[in-house]
């Protein structure tokens, strides 16, 4: 049996390699590659690779991906490995594929500016990323043979930001844009800040490489940063304060200095919030916003960009949210994330049934997209795709669940007086964001088992009784806490968790996932952090009055999950999530310049009595 399995795996690997080799040969046989400089209105030139069909019975649409991460490999004879991705579907459809190094990155000229602000009413030689997209499209339409005059733009993460900027370009040839995991607001909820809390590990990992200056155009990527430990908890704890960490980063990375110079949500950050500009998307540009329910970087961006376009623009706007980590709808099968399984190849289904048909319809006048609804969302737990005419969907009722003494979570209003649960938050011993020892931040933490945290004395745990029927959430969760702290500042981390039955196990015949013990598994469904000083406003921080009960309201990104009959719903509350989030000194000081002596313990009480009833407000979707 074992030998037969090994033989089967060898055959499958051989078949896969054969298919990839065939696709590679097909691309080289049917496509040409040309690298060109396209001149922008201010005279700077952007390095661009154009992959075009050699022969086609029809004129071809143009699909653009603009990136700060390099359009490697360089050279007219060196082809990007499209055959390893779903981009092959576009080549089979005879698309002209265009890749471009954005201004100031890699081989392109000019100055690079992180999330360059959009400019209204540009005059003359004024530029932004929207104008660079306009100038690129204009050149392509006029200079690439056999194009059909229709253009689409798509990209994931930072290229998702450039896709949003493309939608604002107002070029008449642009017909469809898909911002995917789009960088949208780097202060409120994407990548480097969540509700004012600094996402230390992601920012440090990214900018110690990406942020290094590039004085001249280059084909070479920056070198790695030299870490002194592969244990990220140990490394960042020993690194010390943010002031100490700034010394590790050095003085050459401009955006790191900007992070420190703008601790609050000031005009500098607001100019970089793309939600402030989407009202300028033309009515005839269709947008397809795509994101992952377990995207550790830009979950906020996908939900909130879609929401803003709905509120401010008048174009055809749709959203897809699947059970994916960052960008994993474009790689892998989407059958699982870490220990949690989703029951089908969700990424392949999305590619075949949504993304490719979307661009074919708008750029080739081909096919039918009536099956792509306004909101196309995968619900974990029940493991099924659902479609809706809006998001959050009709039929959602906001249901308050009350924290109770003894760690209970019920729909009944508390009746006790002066009732609270208390823990001590110690910055020298912060709560880990995941259990195991890791070097870089792991994507799987978004569905990780939370039993390690529930066993700590500085984590509060509240849970329902065993559910006697399925319980589905569809939309944002609001935590409304009444808290007292013994200091003048603290962080609040709220986690929504699905507790599996003690008898639960996956089918052993499944080919995805791990052999992790799933009986009693505490699956993280959603977690979010708020820096307490920003409880009233991200722009105007305010200190706590020690030991005075204060309301702290935190909105968690949208949830699409069914808690199955026999499971429980759990809420965990804590005040550190390290090293995912930097440590709060728990005093109302500038954290970016705080010294070691500023970090002190804080006694934190979460109230659950009749007068100060802490709740989580859940968007419960009525079962059909």
Foldseek 3Di string as FASTA:
>chain_A
DVVVVVVVVVVVVVVLVVQLVVLVVVQVVFWWKDWDWFAAQLGWTWIKIKIFTPDDPAFAAEEEFEDLPAPDDDDRVGDDSCSQWLCSVRVVVGHIYMYINDDQHAQTHHNDDPLWFDDPPDDRSDDDLLRVLLSVLVCCVVPPPRHPLAYEYEDFECSLSSQLSVLLNPRPRYFETERELYPAFCDPPFQQHHQLFGQPQSVLQCCLFSQAHDPHHHNDGGDGQDQPDQFQQVRVLVCAFLQSVDVSSDDRRVVSVVCLVDSFCDPVRVSSRSLVPLLSRDQRYEYEYEYELLAPGRLVVRVVSLVSCVVRYNHHYAYEYEHDYRPCLTHDQNQAQAFFGQHGSVSVCCSVLPDVVVCCCRRVVDDDNPVRERYWYAAPPVNDIDHANDPVHPQWDWQKWFQDPPQETHSDAFADPPDWDKAKAALSDFDALADDGGRHDDSSSQFAFCPVVPPDRQKRKHKYDQAQFKWWFTWKKKWKWWKAKQAWWFKKKKWKWKFAAQPDDDDPPDPDHDPPDNRRGTTTQWMGMHTGQCQPHSRGGGTDDHGDTDIGMDITGTGTYMRGGRIMIMMMMHGGHPPSTRGDLRHPDSSSPDHPVSRGMMMMITDPHNVGIIIMITGTHDDD
